[in-house]
């Protein structure tokens, strides 16, 4: 008569727990990546003069126009012949563009420069061209 003794190996539950932990870590990383991708990205307005002899508007006058309309911004920075205004979102940037289009004299180009996200670029194009449709 032969007696067989079954010895349970503890390595199988350990490997199973390790694999569950790895799957959970991968899922958490994917969710974190998706969450950061969906967060609102910074947006920048660039103001430059059309004519080379025209000076760039000063930051204080820009600040005054934006503040008077309740538009918050992160920074106003002169760079070469361009004045860059940074906002927390493209919504704030679009509102500021409307205000500055009305308040600055002719002779300035105000361009919205969203981040290099393809989805944001397409949404900006659609938003800017939708007013031309009707």
N, C-alpha and C. Protein backbone atom coordinates (compact mmCIF):
# COMPACT_ATOMS: atom_id res chain seq x y z
N UNK A 1 0.82 -1.15 0.00
CA UNK A 1 0.00 0.00 0.00
C UNK A 1 0.88 1.24 0.00
N UNK A 2 0.57 2.05 -0.92
CA UNK A 2 1.37 3.24 -1.12
C UNK A 2 0.61 4.45 -0.57
N UNK A 3 1.29 5.28 0.13
CA UNK A 3 0.67 6.48 0.69
C UNK A 3 1.22 7.68 -0.05
N UNK A 4 0.32 8.40 -0.58
CA UNK A 4 0.73 9.63 -1.26
C UNK A 4 0.31 10.82 -0.42
N UNK A 5 1.23 11.68 -0.27
CA UNK A 5 0.96 12.88 0.52
C UNK A 5 0.98 14.07 -0.44
N UNK A 6 -0.08 14.80 -0.42
CA UNK A 6 -0.15 15.99 -1.26
C UNK A 6 0.44 17.15 -0.49
N UNK A 7 1.39 17.76 -1.08
CA UNK A 7 2.00 18.94 -0.47
C UNK A 7 1.57 20.13 -1.31
N UNK A 8 0.92 21.04 -0.66
CA UNK A 8 0.48 22.23 -1.37
C UNK A 8 1.66 23.18 -1.50
N UNK A 9 1.80 23.66 -2.68
CA UNK A 9 2.88 24.59 -2.92
C UNK A 9 2.37 26.01 -2.64
N UNK A 10 3.13 26.75 -1.92
CA UNK A 10 2.74 28.13 -1.60
C UNK A 10 3.11 29.09 -2.72
N UNK A 11 3.81 28.60 -3.73
CA UNK A 11 4.24 29.49 -4.80
C UNK A 11 3.08 29.89 -5.71
N UNK A 12 2.08 29.03 -5.88
CA UNK A 12 0.96 29.34 -6.76
C UNK A 12 0.13 30.52 -6.23
N UNK A 13 -0.29 30.54 -4.96
CA UNK A 13 -1.02 31.72 -4.48
C UNK A 13 -0.17 32.99 -4.51
N UNK A 14 1.12 32.86 -4.28
CA UNK A 14 1.99 34.04 -4.33
C UNK A 14 2.07 34.60 -5.73
N UNK A 15 2.19 33.72 -6.71
CA UNK A 15 2.22 34.17 -8.10
C UNK A 15 0.89 34.78 -8.51
N UNK A 16 -0.19 34.20 -8.03
CA UNK A 16 -1.51 34.73 -8.34
C UNK A 16 -1.67 36.13 -7.74
N UNK A 17 -1.26 36.29 -6.50
CA UNK A 17 -1.35 37.62 -5.86
C UNK A 17 -0.46 38.63 -6.59
N UNK A 18 0.72 38.19 -6.98
CA UNK A 18 1.62 39.07 -7.71
C UNK A 18 1.02 39.49 -9.05
N UNK A 19 0.41 38.54 -9.75
CA UNK A 19 -0.21 38.88 -11.03
C UNK A 19 -1.40 39.82 -10.85
N UNK A 20 -2.21 39.61 -9.80
CA UNK A 20 -3.31 40.53 -9.52
C UNK A 20 -2.79 41.92 -9.19
N UNK A 21 -1.72 41.98 -8.44
CA UNK A 21 -1.13 43.27 -8.09
C UNK A 21 -0.60 43.98 -9.34
N UNK A 22 0.00 43.24 -10.23
CA UNK A 22 0.53 43.83 -11.47
C UNK A 22 -0.61 44.35 -12.35
N UNK A 23 -1.68 43.56 -12.46
CA UNK A 23 -2.84 44.00 -13.25
C UNK A 23 -3.45 45.26 -12.63
N UNK A 24 -3.57 45.28 -11.32
CA UNK A 24 -4.12 46.47 -10.64
C UNK A 24 -3.22 47.68 -10.86
N UNK A 25 -1.92 47.49 -10.81
CA UNK A 25 -0.98 48.59 -11.04
C UNK A 25 -1.08 49.11 -12.46
N UNK A 26 -1.21 48.22 -13.42
CA UNK A 26 -1.34 48.63 -14.82
C UNK A 26 -2.65 49.38 -15.04
N UNK A 27 -3.74 48.90 -14.44
CA UNK A 27 -5.03 49.58 -14.58
C UNK A 27 -4.99 50.96 -13.92
N UNK A 28 -4.37 51.05 -12.75
CA UNK A 28 -4.25 52.33 -12.08
C UNK A 28 -3.41 53.30 -12.91
N UNK A 29 -2.33 52.82 -13.50
CA UNK A 29 -1.48 53.67 -14.35
C UNK A 29 -2.24 54.15 -15.57
N UNK A 30 -3.05 53.27 -16.17
CA UNK A 30 -3.84 53.67 -17.34
C UNK A 30 -4.88 54.72 -16.97
N UNK A 31 -5.52 54.55 -15.83
CA UNK A 31 -6.50 55.55 -15.38
C UNK A 31 -5.83 56.89 -15.08
N UNK A 32 -4.68 56.84 -14.46
CA UNK A 32 -3.95 58.08 -14.15
C UNK A 32 -3.53 58.79 -15.44
N UNK A 33 -3.07 58.03 -16.41
CA UNK A 33 -2.69 58.61 -17.69
C UNK A 33 -3.88 59.22 -18.40
N UNK A 34 -5.00 58.53 -18.38
CA UNK A 34 -6.22 59.06 -19.01
C UNK A 34 -6.70 60.31 -18.30
N UNK A 35 -6.62 60.32 -16.98
CA UNK A 35 -7.06 61.49 -16.21
C UNK A 35 -6.20 62.71 -16.53
N UNK A 36 -4.88 62.53 -16.60
CA UNK A 36 -4.01 63.66 -16.90
C UNK A 36 -4.21 64.15 -18.33
N UNK A 37 -4.54 63.25 -19.24
CA UNK A 37 -4.77 63.67 -20.62
C UNK A 37 -6.05 64.48 -20.75
N UNK A 38 -7.02 64.21 -19.90
CA UNK A 38 -8.30 64.91 -19.98
C UNK A 38 -8.33 66.22 -19.21
N UNK A 39 -7.30 66.49 -18.44
CA UNK A 39 -7.26 67.73 -17.68
C UNK A 39 -7.15 68.91 -18.63
N UNK A 40 -7.65 70.06 -18.18
CA UNK A 40 -7.56 71.26 -19.00
C UNK A 40 -6.09 71.66 -19.12
N UNK A 41 -5.70 71.99 -20.32
CA UNK A 41 -4.33 72.37 -20.59
C UNK A 41 -4.22 73.89 -20.68
N UNK A 42 -3.01 74.37 -20.46
CA UNK A 42 -2.77 75.80 -20.58
C UNK A 42 -3.01 76.26 -22.02
N UNK A 43 -3.31 77.52 -22.14
CA UNK A 43 -3.50 78.11 -23.45
C UNK A 43 -2.80 79.47 -23.45
N UNK A 44 -2.33 79.88 -24.59
CA UNK A 44 -1.56 81.13 -24.70
C UNK A 44 -2.10 81.98 -25.83
N UNK A 45 -2.19 83.28 -25.58
CA UNK A 45 -2.48 84.25 -26.63
C UNK A 45 -1.17 84.94 -26.99
N UNK A 46 -0.93 85.10 -28.27
CA UNK A 46 0.24 85.82 -28.74
C UNK A 46 -0.24 87.09 -29.44
N UNK A 47 0.26 88.23 -28.99
CA UNK A 47 -0.11 89.51 -29.59
C UNK A 47 1.13 90.07 -30.28
N UNK A 48 1.00 90.34 -31.57
CA UNK A 48 2.11 90.95 -32.31
C UNK A 48 1.54 92.02 -33.22
N UNK A 49 2.38 92.99 -33.56
CA UNK A 49 1.91 94.07 -34.42
C UNK A 49 2.01 93.65 -35.89
N UNK A 50 1.10 94.21 -36.68
CA UNK A 50 1.08 93.91 -38.11
C UNK A 50 2.26 94.61 -38.78
N UNK A 51 2.47 95.85 -38.45
CA UNK A 51 3.55 96.64 -39.04
C UNK A 51 4.78 96.55 -38.16
N UNK A 52 5.93 96.54 -38.80
CA UNK A 52 7.16 96.38 -38.05
C UNK A 52 7.46 97.59 -37.17
N UNK A 53 7.03 98.75 -37.53
CA UNK A 53 7.32 99.96 -36.75
C UNK A 53 6.41 100.14 -35.54
N UNK A 54 5.30 99.44 -35.48
CA UNK A 54 4.35 99.59 -34.39
C UNK A 54 4.86 98.87 -33.15
N UNK A 55 4.77 99.57 -32.02
CA UNK A 55 5.24 98.94 -30.78
C UNK A 55 4.17 98.00 -30.23
N UNK A 56 4.63 97.08 -29.44
CA UNK A 56 3.76 96.09 -28.81
C UNK A 56 3.02 96.77 -27.64
N UNK A 57 1.76 96.43 -27.39
CA UNK A 57 1.06 97.04 -26.25
C UNK A 57 1.72 96.62 -24.93
N UNK A 58 1.67 97.51 -23.95
CA UNK A 58 2.31 97.18 -22.68
C UNK A 58 1.44 96.22 -21.87
N UNK A 59 2.08 95.46 -21.02
CA UNK A 59 1.39 94.46 -20.21
C UNK A 59 0.37 95.05 -19.27
N UNK A 60 0.62 96.27 -18.78
CA UNK A 60 -0.32 96.88 -17.84
C UNK A 60 -1.66 97.18 -18.51
N UNK A 61 -1.62 97.68 -19.74
CA UNK A 61 -2.89 97.97 -20.43
C UNK A 61 -3.64 96.67 -20.74
N UNK A 62 -2.92 95.62 -21.08
CA UNK A 62 -3.55 94.32 -21.32
C UNK A 62 -4.18 93.81 -20.03
N UNK A 63 -3.42 93.90 -18.93
CA UNK A 63 -3.94 93.47 -17.63
C UNK A 63 -5.21 94.25 -17.28
N UNK A 64 -5.21 95.56 -17.54
CA UNK A 64 -6.37 96.40 -17.23
C UNK A 64 -7.60 95.95 -18.01
N UNK A 65 -7.45 95.69 -19.30
CA UNK A 65 -8.59 95.26 -20.13
C UNK A 65 -9.13 93.90 -19.68
N UNK A 66 -8.23 92.99 -19.39
CA UNK A 66 -8.66 91.65 -18.97
C UNK A 66 -9.31 91.69 -17.59
N UNK A 67 -8.70 92.44 -16.66
CA UNK A 67 -9.24 92.54 -15.31
C UNK A 67 -10.60 93.21 -15.30
N UNK A 68 -10.77 94.22 -16.13
CA UNK A 68 -12.05 94.93 -16.20
C UNK A 68 -13.18 94.01 -16.68
N UNK A 69 -12.82 92.96 -17.43
CA UNK A 69 -13.81 92.01 -17.92
C UNK A 69 -13.84 90.71 -17.13
N UNK A 70 -13.15 90.67 -16.00
CA UNK A 70 -13.18 89.51 -15.12
C UNK A 70 -12.44 88.29 -15.65
N UNK A 71 -11.48 88.48 -16.52
CA UNK A 71 -10.73 87.37 -17.09
C UNK A 71 -9.40 87.24 -16.35
N UNK A 72 -9.19 86.07 -15.76
CA UNK A 72 -7.94 85.82 -15.04
C UNK A 72 -6.92 85.19 -15.96
N UNK A 73 -5.66 85.49 -15.73
CA UNK A 73 -4.57 84.93 -16.52
C UNK A 73 -3.44 84.54 -15.60
N UNK A 74 -2.53 83.74 -16.12
CA UNK A 74 -1.40 83.28 -15.32
C UNK A 74 -0.21 84.23 -15.45
N UNK A 75 0.10 84.67 -16.67
CA UNK A 75 1.26 85.54 -16.86
C UNK A 75 1.15 86.32 -18.15
N UNK A 76 1.86 87.45 -18.18
CA UNK A 76 2.03 88.26 -19.38
C UNK A 76 3.54 88.40 -19.56
N UNK A 77 4.03 87.91 -20.69
CA UNK A 77 5.48 87.88 -20.90
C UNK A 77 5.84 88.44 -22.27
N UNK A 78 6.68 89.47 -22.32
CA UNK A 78 7.18 89.90 -23.63
C UNK A 78 8.28 88.95 -24.10
N UNK A 79 8.21 88.59 -25.37
CA UNK A 79 9.22 87.70 -25.94
C UNK A 79 9.48 88.15 -27.37
N UNK A 80 10.69 88.64 -27.61
CA UNK A 80 11.06 89.22 -28.90
C UNK A 80 10.05 90.32 -29.25
N UNK A 81 9.34 90.22 -30.35
CA UNK A 81 8.35 91.22 -30.74
C UNK A 81 6.94 90.76 -30.48
N UNK A 82 6.77 89.84 -29.53
CA UNK A 82 5.46 89.24 -29.24
C UNK A 82 5.19 89.37 -27.75
N UNK A 83 3.94 89.62 -27.42
CA UNK A 83 3.50 89.62 -26.03
C UNK A 83 2.69 88.34 -25.81
N UNK A 84 3.16 87.47 -24.91
CA UNK A 84 2.51 86.19 -24.65
C UNK A 84 1.71 86.27 -23.36
N UNK A 85 0.44 85.87 -23.42
CA UNK A 85 -0.43 85.86 -22.25
C UNK A 85 -0.85 84.41 -22.03
N UNK A 86 -0.55 83.88 -20.85
CA UNK A 86 -0.83 82.48 -20.55
C UNK A 86 -2.07 82.38 -19.67
N UNK A 87 -2.95 81.42 -20.01
CA UNK A 87 -4.19 81.20 -19.28
C UNK A 87 -4.25 79.75 -18.81
N UNK A 88 -5.13 79.49 -17.84
CA UNK A 88 -5.31 78.12 -17.35
C UNK A 88 -6.05 77.24 -18.34
N UNK A 89 -6.89 77.83 -19.19
CA UNK A 89 -7.67 77.02 -20.12
C UNK A 89 -7.88 77.77 -21.43
N UNK A 90 -8.27 77.03 -22.44
CA UNK A 90 -8.54 77.64 -23.74
C UNK A 90 -9.84 78.46 -23.71
N UNK A 91 -10.72 78.17 -22.77
CA UNK A 91 -11.95 78.95 -22.62
C UNK A 91 -11.61 80.38 -22.19
N UNK A 92 -10.71 80.50 -21.19
CA UNK A 92 -10.27 81.83 -20.75
C UNK A 92 -9.55 82.56 -21.87
N UNK A 93 -8.73 81.82 -22.61
CA UNK A 93 -7.98 82.42 -23.71
C UNK A 93 -8.91 82.94 -24.80
N UNK A 94 -9.95 82.17 -25.13
CA UNK A 94 -10.91 82.60 -26.15
C UNK A 94 -11.67 83.84 -25.69
N UNK A 95 -12.05 83.88 -24.41
CA UNK A 95 -12.74 85.06 -23.88
C UNK A 95 -11.82 86.28 -23.92
N UNK A 96 -10.56 86.09 -23.58
CA UNK A 96 -9.60 87.19 -23.61
C UNK A 96 -9.37 87.67 -25.04
N UNK A 97 -9.35 86.76 -25.98
CA UNK A 97 -9.17 87.14 -27.39
C UNK A 97 -10.31 88.03 -27.85
N UNK A 98 -11.54 87.70 -27.46
CA UNK A 98 -12.68 88.54 -27.83
C UNK A 98 -12.56 89.93 -27.23
N UNK A 99 -12.16 89.99 -25.95
CA UNK A 99 -12.03 91.29 -25.27
C UNK A 99 -10.92 92.11 -25.93
N UNK A 100 -9.79 91.49 -26.19
CA UNK A 100 -8.66 92.23 -26.76
C UNK A 100 -8.91 92.61 -28.21
N UNK A 101 -9.66 91.81 -28.95
CA UNK A 101 -10.03 92.18 -30.32
C UNK A 101 -10.85 93.47 -30.32
N UNK A 102 -11.71 93.63 -29.31
CA UNK A 102 -12.53 94.84 -29.20
C UNK A 102 -11.74 96.03 -28.67
N UNK A 103 -10.83 95.80 -27.73
CA UNK A 103 -10.22 96.92 -27.02
C UNK A 103 -8.89 97.40 -27.59
N UNK A 104 -8.13 96.54 -28.24
CA UNK A 104 -6.86 96.98 -28.81
C UNK A 104 -7.11 97.67 -30.14
N UNK A 105 -6.29 98.68 -30.47
CA UNK A 105 -6.46 99.34 -31.77
C UNK A 105 -6.09 98.39 -32.91
N UNK A 106 -6.54 98.73 -34.10
CA UNK A 106 -6.19 97.92 -35.27
C UNK A 106 -4.68 97.95 -35.45
N UNK A 107 -4.16 96.92 -36.05
CA UNK A 107 -2.71 96.86 -36.25
C UNK A 107 -2.05 95.78 -35.42
N UNK A 108 -2.86 95.00 -34.69
CA UNK A 108 -2.32 93.91 -33.88
C UNK A 108 -2.97 92.60 -34.29
N UNK A 109 -2.16 91.56 -34.30
CA UNK A 109 -2.65 90.21 -34.55
C UNK A 109 -2.70 89.50 -33.21
N UNK A 110 -3.87 88.96 -32.87
CA UNK A 110 -4.03 88.23 -31.61
C UNK A 110 -4.32 86.78 -31.99
N UNK A 111 -3.37 85.90 -31.71
CA UNK A 111 -3.49 84.51 -32.11
C UNK A 111 -3.55 83.61 -30.89
N UNK A 112 -4.51 82.70 -30.88
CA UNK A 112 -4.64 81.74 -29.79
C UNK A 112 -3.74 80.55 -30.10
N UNK A 113 -2.87 80.22 -29.16
CA UNK A 113 -1.93 79.12 -29.34
C UNK A 113 -2.17 78.08 -28.26
N UNK A 114 -3.03 77.10 -28.56
CA UNK A 114 -3.27 76.03 -27.60
C UNK A 114 -2.09 75.09 -27.60
N UNK A 115 -2.08 74.19 -26.60
CA UNK A 115 -1.00 73.21 -26.48
C UNK A 115 -0.96 72.32 -27.71
N UNK A 116 0.06 71.49 -27.80
CA UNK A 116 0.27 70.65 -28.97
C UNK A 116 -0.59 69.39 -28.97
N UNK A 117 -1.72 69.43 -28.32
CA UNK A 117 -2.62 68.28 -28.27
C UNK A 117 -3.47 68.29 -29.54
N UNK A 118 -3.49 67.19 -30.29
CA UNK A 118 -4.23 67.13 -31.54
C UNK A 118 -5.72 67.36 -31.34
N UNK A 119 -6.28 66.77 -30.28
CA UNK A 119 -7.72 66.94 -30.03
C UNK A 119 -8.04 68.41 -29.78
N UNK A 120 -7.22 69.08 -29.00
CA UNK A 120 -7.45 70.50 -28.73
C UNK A 120 -7.29 71.34 -29.99
N UNK A 121 -6.34 70.97 -30.83
CA UNK A 121 -6.14 71.71 -32.08
C UNK A 121 -7.38 71.62 -32.97
N UNK A 122 -7.95 70.42 -33.08
CA UNK A 122 -9.15 70.26 -33.89
C UNK A 122 -10.34 70.98 -33.28
N UNK A 123 -10.48 70.92 -31.96
CA UNK A 123 -11.59 71.64 -31.33
C UNK A 123 -11.45 73.14 -31.52
N UNK A 124 -10.24 73.66 -31.45
CA UNK A 124 -10.02 75.09 -31.67
C UNK A 124 -10.37 75.47 -33.09
N UNK A 125 -9.96 74.64 -34.04
CA UNK A 125 -10.30 74.92 -35.45
C UNK A 125 -11.80 74.91 -35.66
N UNK A 126 -12.49 73.93 -35.10
CA UNK A 126 -13.94 73.85 -35.24
C UNK A 126 -14.62 75.03 -34.57
N UNK A 127 -14.13 75.41 -33.38
CA UNK A 127 -14.72 76.53 -32.66
C UNK A 127 -14.53 77.83 -33.43
N UNK A 128 -13.34 78.02 -34.02
CA UNK A 128 -13.06 79.26 -34.75
C UNK A 128 -13.78 79.33 -36.09
N UNK A 129 -14.02 78.19 -36.73
CA UNK A 129 -14.66 78.20 -38.04
C UNK A 129 -16.18 78.09 -37.96
N UNK A 130 -16.71 77.71 -36.80
CA UNK A 130 -18.17 77.55 -36.69
C UNK A 130 -18.90 78.88 -36.86
N UNK A 131 -18.27 79.98 -36.51
CA UNK A 131 -18.92 81.28 -36.66
C UNK A 131 -19.00 81.69 -38.13
N UNK A 132 -18.18 81.07 -38.98
CA UNK A 132 -18.19 81.40 -40.41
C UNK A 132 -19.27 80.65 -41.19
N UNK A 133 -19.86 79.63 -40.58
CA UNK A 133 -20.82 78.79 -41.28
C UNK A 133 -22.17 79.47 -41.49
N UNK A 134 -22.61 80.28 -40.56
CA UNK A 134 -23.96 80.81 -40.67
C UNK A 134 -23.96 82.22 -40.91
